[in-house]
Amino acid sequence: MTAVLALDQGTTGSTALVVAQDGRILGRGYREITQHFPEPGQVEHEPEEIFRKTIEAAKDALQQAKVVPQALGITNQRETVCVWDRNTGQALYRAIVWQDRRTAGRCARLAASPAAARIRRRTGLVVDPYFSATKIEWLQEHVRGLRKRVRDGDAVFGTIDTWLLFR
């Protein structure tokens, strides 16, 4: 039987479905993800927990389905950013969630600068803490030694789908 394993790694949890070619759901799994709020306006997740819970949900769905899927699809929680060691695969900081507003000040300064028009022209997007770029900048400014690790090619950034595929 032709089937697909669909992973939805969302803000509050990881859902896995095994879906048959005719659209029937053959198996389902779900695991909740812990939300961390270190400061007002900040939202973080533990990347290792995301990976573990996504795998657990997938195993549940596959056990119920009793088929081997021919494909994998991943959708994820928007602009959540993760940074990890390229060599070991270990997360170097908590994932900064798409809802996080810690870079609002930086975004306001960028939006008021001549760079805003260039950013809009090149990306089609407005400057907002929702997006990944200022989160990546924040991580490099606040995680000790990270900027050097990035320069040396030892640390990489990605959204959650990238993190899951890397692992």
Protein backbone atom coordinates (compact mmCIF):
# COMPACT_ATOMS: atom_id res chain seq x y z
CA MET A 1 0.00 0.00 0.00
CA THR A 2 1.31 3.46 -0.91
CA ALA A 3 1.46 5.80 2.09
CA VAL A 4 3.15 8.98 3.28
CA LEU A 5 4.44 9.85 6.74
CA ALA A 6 3.43 13.46 7.40
CA LEU A 7 5.10 15.31 10.28
CA ASP A 8 3.63 18.54 11.60
CA GLN A 9 6.06 19.97 14.11
CA GLY A 10 3.94 22.79 15.53
CA THR A 11 4.33 25.37 18.24
CA THR A 12 2.63 23.32 20.94
CA GLY A 13 3.39 19.81 19.76
CA SER A 14 4.44 17.30 17.14
CA THR A 15 1.84 15.40 15.14
CA ALA A 16 2.61 12.46 12.88
CA LEU A 17 0.15 10.92 10.43
CA VAL A 18 0.53 8.00 8.08
CA VAL A 19 -1.79 8.76 5.17
CA ALA A 20 -2.77 6.26 2.48
CA GLN A 21 -2.91 7.21 -1.18
CA ASP A 22 -6.72 7.40 -0.98
CA GLY A 23 -6.51 9.88 1.93
CA ARG A 24 -7.31 7.48 4.78
CA ILE A 25 -5.36 8.06 7.98
CA LEU A 26 -3.70 4.77 8.84
CA GLY A 27 -1.86 5.91 11.95
CA ARG A 28 -1.57 8.93 14.21
CA GLY A 29 0.78 10.11 16.94
CA TYR A 30 1.07 13.30 18.99
CA ARG A 31 3.43 14.66 21.62
CA GLU A 32 3.19 18.02 23.38
CA ILE A 33 6.19 20.38 23.40
CA THR A 34 7.17 22.35 26.52
CA GLN A 35 6.96 26.13 26.16
CA HIS A 36 9.65 28.21 27.93
CA PHE A 37 9.14 31.91 28.70
CA PRO A 38 12.48 33.18 30.10
CA GLU A 39 11.45 36.86 29.95
CA PRO A 40 8.29 38.75 28.98
CA GLY A 41 7.88 38.56 25.21
CA GLN A 42 10.32 35.66 24.87
CA VAL A 43 9.31 32.13 23.83
CA GLU A 44 11.76 29.25 23.53
CA HIS A 45 11.75 25.48 22.93
CA GLU A 46 14.37 22.84 23.65
CA PRO A 47 15.51 21.51 20.25
CA GLU A 48 16.39 18.08 21.66
CA GLU A 49 12.87 17.78 23.07
CA ILE A 50 11.40 18.73 19.69
CA PHE A 51 13.46 16.02 17.99
CA ARG A 52 12.66 13.37 20.60
CA LYS A 53 8.92 14.10 20.69
CA THR A 54 8.68 14.20 16.89
CA ILE A 55 10.35 10.78 16.65
CA GLU A 56 8.03 9.40 19.36
CA ALA A 57 4.95 10.68 17.53
CA ALA A 58 6.22 9.19 14.26
CA LYS A 59 6.85 5.81 15.90
CA ASP A 60 3.29 5.78 17.29
CA ALA A 61 1.82 6.55 13.87
CA LEU A 62 3.98 3.94 12.12
CA GLN A 63 3.13 1.23 14.66
CA GLN A 64 -0.60 1.86 14.16
CA ALA A 65 -0.32 2.00 10.36
CA LYS A 66 1.64 -1.23 9.94
CA VAL A 67 2.95 -0.05 6.56
CA VAL A 68 6.26 1.36 5.36
CA PRO A 69 5.67 4.84 3.94
CA GLN A 70 7.16 5.68 0.56
CA ALA A 71 7.61 9.37 1.32
CA LEU A 72 8.00 11.88 4.13
CA GLY A 73 6.49 15.35 4.34
CA ILE A 74 7.39 17.92 6.98
CA THR A 75 5.65 21.12 7.95
CA ASN A 76 6.88 23.16 10.87
CA GLN A 77 6.28 26.05 13.21
CA ARG A 78 6.86 28.98 10.96
CA GLU A 79 9.98 31.06 11.64
CA THR A 80 11.28 29.34 14.77
CA VAL A 81 15.10 29.35 14.65
CA CYS A 82 17.52 26.74 15.94
CA VAL A 83 21.34 26.73 16.02
CA TRP A 84 23.40 23.57 16.30
CA ASP A 85 26.92 22.19 16.02
CA ARG A 86 27.48 21.03 12.44
CA ASN A 87 29.75 18.17 13.56
CA THR A 88 27.89 16.73 16.55
CA GLY A 89 24.31 17.77 15.75
CA GLN A 90 23.93 19.12 19.30
CA ALA A 91 21.79 22.22 19.80
CA LEU A 92 23.80 25.20 21.02
CA TYR A 93 20.87 27.19 22.43
CA ARG A 94 17.14 26.85 22.82
CA ALA A 95 15.12 27.41 19.67
CA ILE A 96 13.72 30.94 19.49
CA VAL A 97 10.03 30.56 18.64
CA TRP A 98 8.27 32.54 15.89
CA GLN A 99 6.12 34.28 18.55
CA ASP A 100 9.20 35.66 20.34
CA ARG A 101 9.48 39.48 20.37
CA ARG A 102 12.97 39.94 21.86
CA THR A 103 14.24 41.59 18.67
CA ALA A 104 11.43 44.17 18.45
CA GLY A 105 13.80 47.06 19.24
CA ARG A 106 16.28 45.99 16.58
CA CYS A 107 13.46 45.58 14.07
CA ALA A 108 12.08 49.04 14.87
CA ARG A 109 15.51 50.57 14.20
CA LEU A 110 15.85 48.63 10.95
CA ALA A 111 12.32 49.55 9.84
CA ALA A 112 13.12 53.24 10.37
CA SER A 113 16.37 53.04 8.42
CA PRO A 114 17.11 53.18 4.68
CA ALA A 115 17.77 49.42 4.86
CA ALA A 116 14.03 48.75 5.26
CA ALA A 117 13.27 49.51 1.61
CA ARG A 118 16.14 47.29 0.44
CA ILE A 119 14.98 44.44 2.70
CA ARG A 120 11.44 44.77 1.39
CA ARG A 121 12.61 44.87 -2.23
CA ARG A 122 14.87 41.82 -1.88
CA THR A 123 12.66 39.64 0.31
CA GLY A 124 9.14 40.92 -0.23
CA LEU A 125 8.82 41.02 3.56
CA VAL A 126 8.49 43.76 6.15
CA VAL A 127 10.99 43.94 9.00
CA ASP A 128 9.43 42.10 11.95
CA PRO A 129 10.66 39.96 14.88
CA TYR A 130 8.51 37.14 13.50
CA PHE A 131 11.11 36.46 10.82
CA SER A 132 14.37 34.60 11.37
CA ALA A 133 17.10 37.10 10.46
CA THR A 134 17.06 39.21 13.62
CA LYS A 135 16.77 36.08 15.77
CA ILE A 136 19.95 34.77 14.14
CA GLU A 137 21.63 38.12 14.77
CA TRP A 138 20.49 38.05 18.42
CA LEU A 139 21.88 34.54 18.92
CA GLN A 140 25.27 35.56 17.54
CA GLU A 141 25.37 38.58 19.83
CA HIS A 142 24.24 36.78 23.00
CA VAL A 143 25.51 33.20 22.87
CA ARG A 144 29.13 33.21 23.95
CA GLY A 145 31.51 32.09 21.20
CA LEU A 146 28.75 31.50 18.66
CA ARG A 147 29.82 34.16 16.15
CA LYS A 148 33.29 32.56 15.91
CA ARG A 149 31.79 29.08 15.55
CA VAL A 150 29.61 30.34 12.71
CA ARG A 151 32.61 32.00 11.03
CA ASP A 152 34.62 28.78 11.40
CA GLY A 153 31.77 26.77 9.85
CA ASP A 154 31.13 24.74 13.01
CA ALA A 155 27.66 26.12 13.80
CA VAL A 156 24.63 26.31 11.54
CA PHE A 157 21.19 27.89 11.78
CA GLY A 158 17.89 26.65 10.46
CA THR A 159 14.18 26.45 10.99
CA ILE A 160 12.77 23.37 12.70
CA ASP A 161 12.30 21.37 9.49
CA THR A 162 16.00 21.81 8.77
CA TRP A 163 16.89 20.76 12.32
CA LEU A 164 14.78 17.60 12.06
CA LEU A 165 16.23 16.65 8.67
CA PHE A 166 19.79 17.27 9.88
CA ARG A 167 19.22 14.99 12.85
